Amino acid sequence: MTLTHATAAALVLALCCLSFIQAQPQRGLPPPRGNSFDANAVILKQNFDLNPDGSYQYNYETSNGIRADEAGYLKNPGSQIEAQVMQGSYSYTGPDGVVYTITYIADENGYRAEGAHIPTPPPVRAAAAPGRFFK
């Protein structure tokens, strides 16, 4: 197989573009600094159990204090109201030294999370009685 000059040039250009894209810094959270506690974190414990019915359970713990666990299963399998249910929690130590914990459930009603540090919305006022403003 012989390459034409145009094909070879296109191949070289594509490789250059890929190497440029790969060399760009990633967006989002900055990587841990080399001298930080997080950069040297290791997994202390990790388990994953997948059952024949599709239910599962996992957990892990790292040396820098991150912990997570989750369990999931299929609710009402094979029915019109079938739903995947996942619930669990995770915790981590924030930059302020405080341990933050989130507990959550995700099911047919959406994702709901709770934690002492998560703001809660103000209570919703009851709807006005019919005819109160319009007669």
N, C-alpha and C. Protein backbone atom coordinates (compact mmCIF):
# COMPACT_ATOMS: atom_id res chain seq x y z
N MET A 1 0.84 -1.16 0.00
CA MET A 1 0.00 0.00 0.00
C MET A 1 0.89 1.23 0.00
N THR A 2 0.63 2.14 -0.89
CA THR A 2 1.41 3.38 -0.97
C THR A 2 0.53 4.54 -0.56
N LEU A 3 1.16 5.49 0.08
CA LEU A 3 0.45 6.69 0.51
C LEU A 3 0.74 7.83 -0.45
N THR A 4 -0.26 8.55 -0.81
CA THR A 4 -0.04 9.76 -1.62
C THR A 4 0.43 10.86 -0.69
N HIS A 5 0.97 11.91 -1.26
CA HIS A 5 1.42 13.04 -0.45
C HIS A 5 0.26 13.66 0.32
N ALA A 6 -0.90 13.75 -0.28
CA ALA A 6 -2.06 14.33 0.39
C ALA A 6 -2.50 13.46 1.56
N THR A 7 -2.50 12.15 1.38
CA THR A 7 -2.90 11.23 2.45
C THR A 7 -1.88 11.28 3.59
N ALA A 8 -0.62 11.29 3.25
CA ALA A 8 0.43 11.36 4.28
C ALA A 8 0.34 12.68 5.03
N ALA A 9 0.10 13.77 4.32
CA ALA A 9 -0.01 15.08 4.97
C ALA A 9 -1.22 15.11 5.90
N ALA A 10 -2.34 14.53 5.47
CA ALA A 10 -3.54 14.50 6.30
C ALA A 10 -3.30 13.66 7.55
N LEU A 11 -2.58 12.56 7.40
CA LEU A 11 -2.27 11.70 8.53
C LEU A 11 -1.37 12.42 9.54
N VAL A 12 -0.36 13.11 9.05
CA VAL A 12 0.54 13.85 9.93
C VAL A 12 -0.22 14.97 10.64
N LEU A 13 -1.08 15.67 9.92
CA LEU A 13 -1.88 16.75 10.52
C LEU A 13 -2.80 16.20 11.60
N ALA A 14 -3.44 15.07 11.34
CA ALA A 14 -4.32 14.45 12.34
C ALA A 14 -3.55 14.05 13.59
N LEU A 15 -2.37 13.47 13.42
CA LEU A 15 -1.56 13.07 14.57
C LEU A 15 -1.10 14.29 15.37
N CYS A 16 -0.74 15.37 14.67
CA CYS A 16 -0.34 16.60 15.37
C CYS A 16 -1.50 17.16 16.18
N CYS A 17 -2.69 17.17 15.58
CA CYS A 17 -3.87 17.68 16.29
C CYS A 17 -4.17 16.84 17.52
N LEU A 18 -4.09 15.52 17.39
CA LEU A 18 -4.36 14.65 18.53
C LEU A 18 -3.34 14.86 19.65
N SER A 19 -2.09 15.02 19.30
CA SER A 19 -1.08 15.24 20.33
C SER A 19 -1.26 16.58 21.00
N PHE A 20 -1.71 17.60 20.26
CA PHE A 20 -1.97 18.92 20.83
C PHE A 20 -3.14 18.85 21.80
N ILE A 21 -4.22 18.16 21.39
CA ILE A 21 -5.39 18.04 22.24
C ILE A 21 -5.05 17.28 23.51
N GLN A 22 -4.28 16.21 23.37
CA GLN A 22 -3.93 15.40 24.53
C GLN A 22 -3.02 16.17 25.49
N ALA A 23 -2.23 17.11 24.97
CA ALA A 23 -1.30 17.84 25.80
C ALA A 23 -1.97 18.98 26.57
N GLN A 24 -3.21 19.33 26.24
CA GLN A 24 -3.91 20.42 26.91
C GLN A 24 -4.28 20.02 28.33
N PRO A 25 -4.23 20.98 29.28
CA PRO A 25 -4.62 20.65 30.64
C PRO A 25 -6.11 20.33 30.70
N GLN A 26 -6.48 19.45 31.61
CA GLN A 26 -7.87 19.07 31.78
C GLN A 26 -8.61 20.18 32.52
N ARG A 27 -9.88 20.34 32.18
CA ARG A 27 -10.72 21.33 32.85
C ARG A 27 -11.31 20.70 34.10
N GLY A 28 -11.89 21.52 34.94
CA GLY A 28 -12.53 21.02 36.15
C GLY A 28 -11.62 21.18 37.33
N LEU A 29 -11.62 20.22 38.20
CA LEU A 29 -10.81 20.30 39.41
C LEU A 29 -9.33 20.16 39.08
N PRO A 30 -8.50 20.96 39.71
CA PRO A 30 -7.07 20.81 39.46
C PRO A 30 -6.58 19.50 40.05
N PRO A 31 -5.56 18.91 39.44
CA PRO A 31 -5.03 17.67 40.01
C PRO A 31 -4.40 17.95 41.36
N PRO A 32 -4.38 16.96 42.24
CA PRO A 32 -3.76 17.18 43.55
C PRO A 32 -2.29 17.54 43.38
N ARG A 33 -1.82 18.43 44.22
CA ARG A 33 -0.40 18.79 44.18
C ARG A 33 0.44 17.62 44.64
N GLY A 34 1.62 17.50 44.09
CA GLY A 34 2.50 16.37 44.39
C GLY A 34 2.83 16.22 45.85
N ASN A 35 2.80 17.32 46.60
CA ASN A 35 3.17 17.23 48.01
C ASN A 35 1.94 17.17 48.92
N SER A 36 0.74 17.06 48.34
CA SER A 36 -0.46 17.06 49.17
C SER A 36 -0.78 15.65 49.66
N PHE A 37 -1.58 15.60 50.69
CA PHE A 37 -2.01 14.34 51.28
C PHE A 37 -2.83 13.54 50.28
N ASP A 38 -3.67 14.22 49.48
CA ASP A 38 -4.52 13.54 48.51
C ASP A 38 -3.73 12.89 47.38
N ALA A 39 -2.62 13.46 47.00
CA ALA A 39 -1.84 12.91 45.88
C ALA A 39 -1.29 11.53 46.20
N ASN A 40 -1.11 11.24 47.46
CA ASN A 40 -0.54 9.95 47.86
C ASN A 40 -1.57 9.01 48.45
N ALA A 41 -2.85 9.33 48.30
CA ALA A 41 -3.91 8.50 48.87
C ALA A 41 -3.94 7.14 48.19
N VAL A 42 -4.25 6.13 48.98
CA VAL A 42 -4.37 4.76 48.46
C VAL A 42 -5.70 4.18 48.91
N ILE A 43 -6.17 3.18 48.20
CA ILE A 43 -7.40 2.51 48.57
C ILE A 43 -7.10 1.53 49.70
N LEU A 44 -7.80 1.69 50.81
CA LEU A 44 -7.60 0.81 51.96
C LEU A 44 -8.54 -0.39 51.93
N LYS A 45 -9.75 -0.15 51.42
CA LYS A 45 -10.76 -1.20 51.41
C LYS A 45 -11.65 -0.97 50.19
N GLN A 46 -12.01 -2.05 49.51
CA GLN A 46 -12.88 -1.95 48.36
C GLN A 46 -13.61 -3.27 48.15
N ASN A 47 -14.93 -3.21 48.05
CA ASN A 47 -15.75 -4.40 47.83
C ASN A 47 -16.80 -4.09 46.78
N PHE A 48 -17.12 -5.07 45.96
CA PHE A 48 -18.22 -4.96 45.00
C PHE A 48 -18.86 -6.32 44.87
N ASP A 49 -20.15 -6.39 45.12
CA ASP A 49 -20.90 -7.63 45.00
C ASP A 49 -22.04 -7.41 44.01
N LEU A 50 -22.06 -8.20 42.95
CA LEU A 50 -23.13 -8.17 41.96
C LEU A 50 -23.87 -9.49 42.04
N ASN A 51 -25.17 -9.42 42.28
CA ASN A 51 -25.98 -10.61 42.45
C ASN A 51 -26.64 -11.01 41.12
N PRO A 52 -27.03 -12.27 40.98
CA PRO A 52 -27.65 -12.74 39.74
C PRO A 52 -28.93 -11.97 39.36
N ASP A 53 -29.64 -11.43 40.35
CA ASP A 53 -30.86 -10.69 40.05
C ASP A 53 -30.58 -9.24 39.63
N GLY A 54 -29.31 -8.86 39.56
CA GLY A 54 -28.95 -7.51 39.15
C GLY A 54 -28.74 -6.55 40.31
N SER A 55 -29.11 -6.95 41.51
CA SER A 55 -28.86 -6.09 42.66
C SER A 55 -27.36 -6.07 42.93
N TYR A 56 -26.91 -5.03 43.59
CA TYR A 56 -25.47 -4.90 43.85
C TYR A 56 -25.24 -4.14 45.13
N GLN A 57 -24.01 -4.19 45.56
CA GLN A 57 -23.58 -3.44 46.73
C GLN A 57 -22.09 -3.18 46.58
N TYR A 58 -21.67 -1.95 46.87
CA TYR A 58 -20.24 -1.67 46.85
C TYR A 58 -19.88 -0.71 47.97
N ASN A 59 -18.62 -0.71 48.33
CA ASN A 59 -18.09 0.26 49.27
C ASN A 59 -16.59 0.37 49.09
N TYR A 60 -16.06 1.51 49.49
CA TYR A 60 -14.61 1.69 49.48
C TYR A 60 -14.22 2.74 50.50
N GLU A 61 -12.95 2.71 50.85
CA GLU A 61 -12.39 3.66 51.79
C GLU A 61 -10.96 3.95 51.37
N THR A 62 -10.58 5.22 51.41
CA THR A 62 -9.22 5.59 51.02
C THR A 62 -8.46 6.15 52.23
N SER A 63 -7.16 6.21 52.09
CA SER A 63 -6.31 6.65 53.19
C SER A 63 -6.48 8.13 53.52
N ASN A 64 -7.07 8.92 52.63
CA ASN A 64 -7.28 10.33 52.92
C ASN A 64 -8.68 10.60 53.44
N GLY A 65 -9.40 9.55 53.87
CA GLY A 65 -10.66 9.73 54.55
C GLY A 65 -11.91 9.69 53.69
N ILE A 66 -11.77 9.41 52.42
CA ILE A 66 -12.95 9.30 51.57
C ILE A 66 -13.57 7.92 51.79
N ARG A 67 -14.88 7.90 51.99
CA ARG A 67 -15.62 6.65 52.17
C ARG A 67 -16.88 6.72 51.34
N ALA A 68 -17.27 5.60 50.77
CA ALA A 68 -18.52 5.54 50.01
C ALA A 68 -19.11 4.15 50.09
N ASP A 69 -20.43 4.10 50.08
CA ASP A 69 -21.11 2.81 49.98
C ASP A 69 -22.43 3.04 49.24
N GLU A 70 -22.83 2.03 48.48
CA GLU A 70 -24.08 2.11 47.72
C GLU A 70 -24.64 0.72 47.53
N ALA A 71 -25.95 0.64 47.51
CA ALA A 71 -26.66 -0.60 47.20
C ALA A 71 -27.74 -0.25 46.19
N GLY A 72 -28.00 -1.17 45.28
CA GLY A 72 -29.02 -0.91 44.28
C GLY A 72 -29.75 -2.17 43.89
N TYR A 73 -30.96 -1.99 43.40
CA TYR A 73 -31.77 -3.12 42.96
C TYR A 73 -32.84 -2.62 42.01
N LEU A 74 -33.46 -3.55 41.31
CA LEU A 74 -34.54 -3.23 40.39
C LEU A 74 -35.85 -3.43 41.13
N LYS A 75 -36.63 -2.36 41.22
CA LYS A 75 -37.92 -2.39 41.92
C LYS A 75 -39.03 -2.72 40.93
N ASN A 76 -39.90 -3.62 41.29
CA ASN A 76 -41.02 -4.05 40.44
C ASN A 76 -40.56 -4.53 39.06
N PRO A 77 -39.60 -5.47 39.01
CA PRO A 77 -39.06 -5.90 37.72
C PRO A 77 -40.14 -6.48 36.79
N GLY A 78 -40.05 -6.11 35.52
CA GLY A 78 -40.95 -6.63 34.51
C GLY A 78 -42.32 -5.98 34.48
N SER A 79 -42.56 -5.01 35.34
CA SER A 79 -43.87 -4.37 35.37
C SER A 79 -43.81 -3.00 34.69
N GLN A 80 -44.96 -2.38 34.56
CA GLN A 80 -45.04 -1.03 33.97
C GLN A 80 -44.36 0.01 34.85
N ILE A 81 -44.25 -0.29 36.14
CA ILE A 81 -43.67 0.69 37.06
C ILE A 81 -42.27 0.26 37.54
N GLU A 82 -41.56 -0.46 36.69
CA GLU A 82 -40.20 -0.90 37.00
C GLU A 82 -39.32 0.32 37.23
N ALA A 83 -38.46 0.26 38.24
CA ALA A 83 -37.57 1.39 38.54
C ALA A 83 -36.28 0.88 39.17
N GLN A 84 -35.19 1.50 38.80
CA GLN A 84 -33.90 1.20 39.44
C GLN A 84 -33.82 2.03 40.71
N VAL A 85 -33.41 1.41 41.80
CA VAL A 85 -33.26 2.10 43.08
C VAL A 85 -31.80 2.00 43.49
N MET A 86 -31.23 3.15 43.85
CA MET A 86 -29.85 3.20 44.34
C MET A 86 -29.84 4.08 45.58
N GLN A 87 -29.22 3.60 46.63
CA GLN A 87 -29.11 4.42 47.83
C GLN A 87 -27.78 4.17 48.49
N GLY A 88 -27.28 5.21 49.12
CA GLY A 88 -25.99 5.07 49.77
C GLY A 88 -25.54 6.35 50.42
N SER A 89 -24.25 6.44 50.63
CA SER A 89 -23.67 7.62 51.24
C SER A 89 -22.20 7.72 50.85
N TYR A 90 -21.69 8.93 50.99
CA TYR A 90 -20.25 9.13 50.84
C TYR A 90 -19.83 10.25 51.76
N SER A 91 -18.57 10.24 52.14
CA SER A 91 -18.04 11.28 53.01
C SER A 91 -16.60 11.58 52.62
N TYR A 92 -16.20 12.80 52.93
CA TYR A 92 -14.86 13.27 52.62
C TYR A 92 -14.51 14.40 53.57
N THR A 93 -13.24 14.67 53.71
CA THR A 93 -12.79 15.78 54.54
C THR A 93 -12.57 16.99 53.66
N GLY A 94 -13.24 18.07 53.97
CA GLY A 94 -13.13 19.30 53.20
C GLY A 94 -11.83 20.03 53.50
N PRO A 95 -11.54 21.07 52.71
CA PRO A 95 -10.32 21.86 52.93
C PRO A 95 -10.29 22.52 54.31
N ASP A 96 -11.47 22.67 54.92
CA ASP A 96 -11.55 23.27 56.25
C ASP A 96 -11.35 22.25 57.37
N GLY A 97 -11.09 20.97 57.02
CA GLY A 97 -10.86 19.94 58.01
C GLY A 97 -12.12 19.27 58.52
N VAL A 98 -13.28 19.71 58.07
CA VAL A 98 -14.56 19.14 58.49
C VAL A 98 -14.90 17.94 57.61
N VAL A 99 -15.41 16.87 58.23
CA VAL A 99 -15.85 15.69 57.48
C VAL A 99 -17.29 15.95 57.02
N TYR A 100 -17.50 15.90 55.71
CA TYR A 100 -18.81 16.10 55.12
C TYR A 100 -19.37 14.76 54.69
N THR A 101 -20.64 14.51 55.01
CA THR A 101 -21.29 13.26 54.66
C THR A 101 -22.58 13.55 53.92
N ILE A 102 -22.78 12.84 52.83
CA ILE A 102 -24.00 12.94 52.03
C ILE A 102 -24.66 11.57 52.03
N THR A 103 -25.93 11.50 52.31
CA THR A 103 -26.71 10.28 52.12
C THR A 103 -27.70 10.56 51.00
N TYR A 104 -27.98 9.57 50.19
CA TYR A 104 -28.83 9.81 49.02
C TYR A 104 -29.64 8.57 48.67
N ILE A 105 -30.67 8.83 47.90
CA ILE A 105 -31.47 7.78 47.29
C ILE A 105 -31.85 8.28 45.90
N ALA A 106 -31.83 7.38 44.94
CA ALA A 106 -32.27 7.70 43.59
C ALA A 106 -33.21 6.59 43.17
N ASP A 107 -34.42 6.97 42.77
CA ASP A 107 -35.42 5.98 42.39
C ASP A 107 -36.40 6.62 41.42
N GLU A 108 -37.60 6.07 41.32
CA GLU A 108 -38.58 6.60 40.38
C GLU A 108 -39.00 8.03 40.73
N ASN A 109 -38.66 8.49 41.91
CA ASN A 109 -39.00 9.86 42.32
C ASN A 109 -37.84 10.83 42.15
N GLY A 110 -36.75 10.39 41.52
CA GLY A 110 -35.59 11.25 41.29
C GLY A 110 -34.48 11.02 42.30
N TYR A 111 -33.54 11.96 42.31
CA TYR A 111 -32.37 11.89 43.20
C TYR A 111 -32.62 12.83 44.38
N ARG A 112 -32.44 12.31 45.59
CA ARG A 112 -32.61 13.11 46.78
C ARG A 112 -31.40 12.91 47.69
N ALA A 113 -30.78 14.00 48.05
CA ALA A 113 -29.58 13.93 48.89
C ALA A 113 -29.81 14.73 50.17
N GLU A 114 -29.17 14.27 51.24
CA GLU A 114 -29.24 14.96 52.52
C GLU A 114 -27.84 15.03 53.11
N GLY A 115 -27.59 16.11 53.80
CA GLY A 115 -26.33 16.28 54.50
C GLY A 115 -26.44 17.51 55.37
N ALA A 116 -25.77 17.53 56.50
CA ALA A 116 -25.87 18.66 57.42
C ALA A 116 -25.43 19.97 56.77
N HIS A 117 -24.57 19.90 55.79
CA HIS A 117 -24.04 21.11 55.16
C HIS A 117 -24.81 21.52 53.90
N ILE A 118 -25.78 20.72 53.48
CA ILE A 118 -26.54 21.05 52.27
C ILE A 118 -27.67 21.98 52.67
N PRO A 119 -27.77 23.15 52.04
CA PRO A 119 -28.86 24.06 52.38
C PRO A 119 -30.21 23.44 52.03
N THR A 120 -31.19 23.73 52.84
CA THR A 120 -32.53 23.24 52.55
C THR A 120 -33.38 24.42 52.10
N PRO A 121 -34.26 24.20 51.15
CA PRO A 121 -35.09 25.30 50.67
C PRO A 121 -36.10 25.69 51.74
N PRO A 122 -36.56 26.92 51.71
CA PRO A 122 -37.58 27.32 52.69
C PRO A 122 -38.86 26.53 52.44
N PRO A 123 -39.70 26.38 53.46
CA PRO A 123 -40.92 25.62 53.27
C PRO A 123 -41.83 26.29 52.24
N VAL A 124 -42.55 25.49 51.51
CA VAL A 124 -43.46 26.00 50.49
C VAL A 124 -44.75 26.40 51.18
N ARG A 125 -45.23 27.61 50.87
CA ARG A 125 -46.49 28.06 51.47
C ARG A 125 -47.65 27.30 50.85
N ALA A 126 -48.67 27.13 51.62
CA ALA A 126 -49.86 26.45 51.12
C ALA A 126 -50.50 27.31 50.03
N ALA A 127 -51.06 26.66 49.04
CA ALA A 127 -51.71 27.38 47.95
C ALA A 127 -52.92 28.13 48.48
N ALA A 128 -53.21 29.26 47.87
CA ALA A 128 -54.36 30.06 48.28
C ALA A 128 -55.64 29.29 48.01
N ALA A 129 -56.61 29.47 48.87
CA ALA A 129 -57.89 28.81 48.69
C ALA A 129 -58.54 29.28 47.40
N PRO A 130 -59.22 28.40 46.69
CA PRO A 130 -59.87 28.81 45.45
C PRO A 130 -60.86 29.94 45.70
N GLY A 131 -60.84 30.93 44.81
CA GLY A 131 -61.79 32.03 44.90
C GLY A 131 -61.36 33.13 45.85
N ARG A 132 -60.24 32.95 46.52
CA ARG A 132 -59.81 33.97 47.47
C ARG A 132 -59.41 35.26 46.76
N PHE A 133 -58.71 35.12 45.63
CA PHE A 133 -58.29 36.31 44.90
C PHE A 133 -59.16 36.60 43.68
N PHE A 134 -59.79 35.59 43.16
CA PHE A 134 -60.61 35.74 41.96
C PHE A 134 -62.02 35.28 42.27
N LYS A 135 -63.01 36.14 41.98
CA LYS A 135 -64.39 35.75 42.25
C LYS A 135 -65.19 35.72 40.99
